[in-house]
Protein backbone atom coordinates (compact mmCIF):
# COMPACT_ATOMS: atom_id res chain seq x y z
CA UNK A 1 -0.04 -0.06 0.01
CA UNK A 2 1.37 3.40 -1.01
CA UNK A 3 0.82 6.16 1.55
CA UNK A 4 1.13 9.67 -0.08
CA UNK A 5 1.37 12.81 1.94
CA UNK A 6 1.14 16.40 0.49
CA UNK A 7 3.21 18.96 2.47
CA UNK A 8 3.76 22.39 1.16
CA UNK A 9 2.93 21.34 -2.34
CA UNK A 10 5.56 18.63 -2.25
CA UNK A 11 4.59 15.02 -2.42
CA UNK A 12 5.83 12.86 0.27
CA UNK A 13 5.67 9.02 1.04
CA UNK A 14 6.07 6.89 4.09
CA UNK A 15 8.87 4.28 4.06
CA UNK A 16 6.94 1.13 4.93
CA UNK A 17 7.71 -0.61 8.24
CA UNK A 18 6.85 -4.01 6.92
CA UNK A 19 9.75 -4.27 4.60
CA UNK A 20 12.10 -5.25 7.37
CA UNK A 21 13.47 -8.80 6.75
CA UNK A 22 11.88 -8.58 3.33
CA UNK A 23 13.70 -9.76 0.17
CA UNK A 24 16.05 -6.99 -0.89
CA UNK A 25 15.09 -7.04 -4.57
CA UNK A 26 11.28 -7.00 -3.91
CA UNK A 27 11.87 -4.08 -1.44
CA UNK A 28 14.17 -2.27 -3.98
CA UNK A 29 11.55 -2.58 -6.74
CA UNK A 30 8.71 -1.46 -4.48
CA UNK A 31 10.62 1.66 -3.37
CA UNK A 32 11.76 2.61 -6.78
CA UNK A 33 8.73 1.74 -8.92
CA UNK A 34 5.89 2.33 -6.68
CA UNK A 35 6.96 5.00 -4.09
CA UNK A 36 9.28 6.68 -6.53
CA UNK A 37 12.17 6.77 -4.31
CA UNK A 38 15.86 6.17 -5.20
CA UNK A 39 17.00 3.09 -3.23
CA UNK A 40 20.88 2.55 -2.68
CA UNK A 41 22.20 -0.81 -1.56
CA UNK A 42 24.60 -1.17 1.37
CA UNK A 43 25.66 -4.72 2.15
CA UNK A 44 26.95 -5.74 5.53
CA UNK A 45 27.35 -9.01 7.53
CA UNK A 46 24.68 -9.86 10.15
CA UNK A 47 24.36 -12.73 12.35
CA UNK A 48 20.71 -12.49 12.88
CA UNK A 49 19.21 -11.67 9.33
CA UNK A 50 19.37 -14.18 6.54
CA UNK A 51 21.37 -13.37 3.50
CA UNK A 52 19.64 -11.17 0.82
CA UNK A 53 17.14 -9.75 3.37
CA UNK A 54 16.60 -6.19 4.52
CA UNK A 55 18.21 -5.28 7.85
CA UNK A 56 17.15 -1.63 8.10
CA UNK A 57 16.89 1.58 6.06
CA UNK A 58 18.11 5.17 6.34
CA UNK A 59 15.98 7.15 6.84
CA UNK A 60 14.29 4.68 9.27
CA UNK A 61 11.26 2.68 8.22
CA UNK A 62 8.02 4.65 9.07
CA UNK A 63 9.73 7.96 8.12
CA UNK A 64 8.07 10.54 5.69
CA UNK A 65 10.45 11.44 2.73
CA UNK A 66 9.90 13.41 -0.27
CA UNK A 67 9.20 11.65 -3.65
CA UNK A 68 12.56 11.22 -5.22
CA UNK A 69 14.68 11.03 -2.10
CA UNK A 70 17.44 8.47 -1.67
CA UNK A 71 16.87 5.68 0.69
CA UNK A 72 19.69 3.53 1.96
CA UNK A 73 18.65 -0.22 2.13
CA UNK A 74 20.95 -2.30 4.35
CA UNK A 75 21.11 -5.80 2.84
CA UNK A 76 22.32 -8.75 4.94
CA UNK A 77 25.38 -10.86 3.77
CA UNK A 78 24.41 -13.28 6.41
CA UNK A 79 26.93 -14.36 9.16
CA UNK A 80 30.56 -13.49 8.76
CA UNK A 81 31.84 -17.00 9.13
CA UNK A 82 35.52 -17.19 10.25
CA UNK A 83 38.15 -19.66 8.93
CA UNK A 84 38.73 -22.54 11.57
CA UNK A 85 41.03 -25.45 11.71
CA UNK A 86 39.20 -28.91 11.57
CA UNK A 87 40.05 -31.03 14.68
CA UNK A 88 41.30 -34.61 14.64
CA UNK A 89 38.32 -36.90 15.30
CA UNK A 90 39.93 -40.22 14.71
CA UNK A 91 40.02 -42.61 17.68
CA UNK A 92 37.23 -40.62 19.38
CA UNK A 93 33.65 -41.66 20.12
CA UNK A 94 30.87 -39.99 18.38
CA UNK A 95 29.94 -38.14 21.70
CA UNK A 96 33.56 -36.89 21.91
CA UNK A 97 33.65 -35.81 18.39
CA UNK A 98 30.47 -33.83 18.80
CA UNK A 99 32.01 -31.78 21.61
CA UNK A 100 35.16 -31.28 19.75
CA UNK A 101 33.23 -29.95 16.77
CA UNK A 102 31.12 -27.71 18.93
CA UNK A 103 34.22 -26.29 20.52
CA UNK A 104 35.49 -25.35 17.05
CA UNK A 105 32.09 -24.05 15.97
CA UNK A 106 31.76 -26.87 13.33
CA UNK A 107 28.95 -29.36 12.86
CA UNK A 108 28.59 -33.13 12.35
CA UNK A 109 27.88 -33.95 8.63
CA UNK A 110 27.12 -37.45 7.38
CA UNK A 111 27.79 -40.43 9.47
CA UNK A 112 29.13 -43.63 7.75
CA UNK A 113 28.14 -46.36 7.42
CA UNK A 114 24.65 -44.80 6.87
CA UNK A 115 21.26 -46.35 8.03
CA UNK A 116 22.23 -47.41 11.61
CA UNK A 117 20.20 -46.59 14.55
CA UNK A 118 23.29 -45.66 16.57
CA UNK A 119 27.20 -45.88 16.68
CA UNK A 120 29.67 -47.13 19.03
CA UNK A 121 33.46 -47.82 18.90
CA UNK A 122 35.55 -44.89 17.61
CA UNK A 123 35.94 -43.00 14.39
CA UNK A 124 38.35 -44.40 11.83
CA UNK A 125 38.20 -41.54 9.26
CA UNK A 126 36.93 -38.14 8.72
CA UNK A 127 36.32 -35.50 5.82
CA UNK A 128 37.55 -32.90 5.77
CA UNK A 129 41.02 -33.96 7.28
CA UNK A 130 42.24 -32.75 10.56
CA UNK A 131 44.16 -29.52 10.08
CA UNK A 132 42.21 -28.45 7.02
CA UNK A 133 40.85 -24.96 7.07
CA UNK A 134 37.14 -24.45 6.64
CA UNK A 135 34.44 -21.93 7.43
CA UNK A 136 32.63 -22.03 10.71
CA UNK A 137 29.60 -24.19 10.98
CA UNK A 138 30.80 -26.33 7.98
CA UNK A 139 29.94 -30.08 8.29
CA UNK A 140 32.51 -32.72 8.93
CA UNK A 141 31.73 -36.34 7.77
CA UNK A 142 32.81 -39.12 10.00
CA UNK A 143 33.39 -42.78 9.53
CA UNK A 144 33.09 -45.84 11.67
CA UNK A 145 34.22 -49.30 11.01
CA UNK A 146 31.67 -51.38 9.06
CA UNK A 147 32.20 -54.29 11.58
CA UNK A 148 31.11 -52.29 14.52
CA UNK A 149 27.57 -53.31 15.70
CA UNK A 150 25.06 -50.44 16.22
CA UNK A 151 24.61 -48.94 19.65
CA UNK A 152 21.52 -47.70 21.36
CA UNK A 153 20.98 -44.18 20.20
CA UNK A 154 23.41 -42.07 18.25
CA UNK A 155 24.75 -39.72 21.10
CA UNK A 156 23.49 -36.66 19.44
CA UNK A 157 20.29 -36.05 21.57
CA UNK A 158 18.40 -38.79 19.62
CA UNK A 159 17.69 -36.18 17.13
CA UNK A 160 15.17 -37.20 14.32
CA UNK A 161 15.99 -34.66 11.83
CA UNK A 162 13.95 -35.11 8.67
CA UNK A 163 13.51 -31.74 7.03
CA UNK A 164 15.79 -28.96 5.69
CA UNK A 165 18.37 -28.94 3.03
CA UNK A 166 21.12 -29.57 5.44
CA UNK A 167 21.78 -29.79 9.11
CA UNK A 168 24.02 -28.17 11.49
CA UNK A 169 25.00 -28.86 15.20
CA UNK A 170 23.61 -26.21 17.35
CA UNK A 171 24.71 -25.68 20.99
CA UNK A 172 21.89 -25.65 23.65
CA UNK A 173 22.95 -23.72 26.56
CA UNK A 174 22.10 -24.06 30.22
CA UNK A 175 20.44 -20.75 31.27
CA UNK A 176 22.22 -18.67 33.83
CA UNK A 177 20.67 -18.36 37.38
CA UNK A 178 18.39 -21.49 36.91
CA UNK A 179 19.02 -24.55 39.24
CA UNK A 180 18.77 -28.02 37.72
CA UNK A 181 19.24 -31.45 39.13
CA UNK A 182 21.64 -34.11 37.90
CA UNK A 183 19.46 -34.91 34.87
CA UNK A 184 17.42 -32.48 32.74
CA UNK A 185 14.40 -33.27 30.72
CA UNK A 186 15.30 -31.46 27.43
CA UNK A 187 12.88 -30.81 24.58
CA UNK A 188 13.78 -28.71 21.59
CA UNK A 189 11.17 -27.69 18.99
CA UNK A 190 12.23 -26.19 15.51
CA UNK A 191 10.33 -24.12 13.23
CA UNK A 192 12.15 -24.08 9.80
CA UNK A 193 11.48 -20.92 7.91
CA UNK A 194 11.30 -22.64 4.57
CA UNK A 195 8.28 -24.80 5.63
CA UNK A 196 6.98 -23.19 8.74
CA UNK A 197 6.17 -26.60 10.18
CA UNK A 198 6.83 -27.62 13.86
CA UNK A 199 9.51 -30.27 14.36
CA UNK A 200 10.51 -32.13 17.46
CA UNK A 201 14.15 -32.35 17.50
CA UNK A 202 14.74 -33.96 20.74
CA UNK A 203 12.77 -34.93 23.91
CA UNK A 204 15.10 -36.77 26.18
CA UNK A 205 16.78 -36.81 29.72
CA UNK A 206 20.18 -35.62 29.51
CA UNK A 207 22.73 -35.73 32.37
CA UNK A 208 23.76 -32.35 33.40
CA UNK A 209 27.47 -33.16 33.17
CA UNK A 210 26.98 -33.64 29.25
CA UNK A 211 26.48 -29.91 28.89
CA UNK A 212 30.15 -29.33 28.03
CA UNK A 213 31.06 -25.70 29.30
CA UNK A 214 27.14 -25.27 29.74
CA UNK A 215 26.41 -26.37 26.21
CA UNK A 216 24.87 -29.52 24.57
CA UNK A 217 24.46 -30.15 20.82
CA UNK A 218 21.41 -31.00 18.73
CA UNK A 219 21.19 -31.28 15.03
CA UNK A 220 19.13 -28.55 13.47
CA UNK A 221 17.59 -28.65 9.92
CA UNK A 222 18.54 -25.49 7.95
CA UNK A 223 17.99 -24.08 4.43
CA UNK A 224 20.13 -21.48 2.76
CA UNK A 225 18.66 -18.01 3.16
CA UNK A 226 16.00 -19.07 5.77
CA UNK A 227 15.98 -18.88 9.44
CA UNK A 228 15.06 -21.88 11.74
CA UNK A 229 13.62 -20.82 15.12
CA UNK A 230 14.35 -23.10 18.12
CA UNK A 231 12.26 -23.22 21.27
CA UNK A 232 14.26 -24.81 24.22
CA UNK A 233 12.24 -26.45 27.00
CA UNK A 234 14.09 -27.85 30.27
CA UNK A 235 12.08 -29.76 32.83
CA UNK A 236 8.85 -28.77 31.10
CA UNK A 237 9.61 -24.96 31.14
CA UNK A 238 10.40 -22.78 28.08
CA UNK A 239 13.75 -21.38 28.82
CA UNK A 240 14.61 -19.37 25.60
CA UNK A 241 14.25 -19.33 21.90
CA UNK A 242 16.78 -18.61 19.30
CA UNK A 243 17.20 -18.22 15.48
CA UNK A 244 19.57 -20.45 13.48
CA UNK A 245 20.50 -18.89 9.99
CA UNK A 246 21.04 -21.19 7.17
CA UNK A 247 24.32 -20.74 5.19
CA UNK A 248 24.15 -19.78 1.46
């Protein structure tokens, strides 16, 4: 909807407030063709807003401006992922590997051999190799021996990820100032932005000691350019929610 205001004989328009988080190209076309403004792009990294989406404008959204005025649109480049070194996961269990990857801000990729209900024993190979440089949140594939029998559970929060173009390991943190017993009933719900459906990622009892440095990892479905919202419940109470941005 175009809101025109006449002031001292000069036409003014209001920069819409609902363009925040909108697709940059759609917003640019709307401001240029319908509001007769002069949009200018400024791209910047942002940990919260998905790549290609509008972060803010200058003048601010909701401001009256003259027709023909320049409006700076700040477009998100997504998170500024840093280069990290892949840790050595060989001879570690799946649980140990998960914690090592979390500490490096990396995620578990595919686990081989595929199709098992769980894994025990130690990792015999990985890809990328230890010491290689990758971007944060990159997946690392791990390999177990074909001869190892399956274990009960996979050591990743019994996470039934079934949606999304890929998955990342996201750390679940113990909230500060909240007292818990030796075990915690952890339930994590996910709402992928691409589908909008509610997904149960995990609902299990976790030993408090498994929250390494106050963190515990779950696999989260993500899609490039979309945000997956997580709701974290502990002992039946909603503790917090957070957004996970899918890498492009």
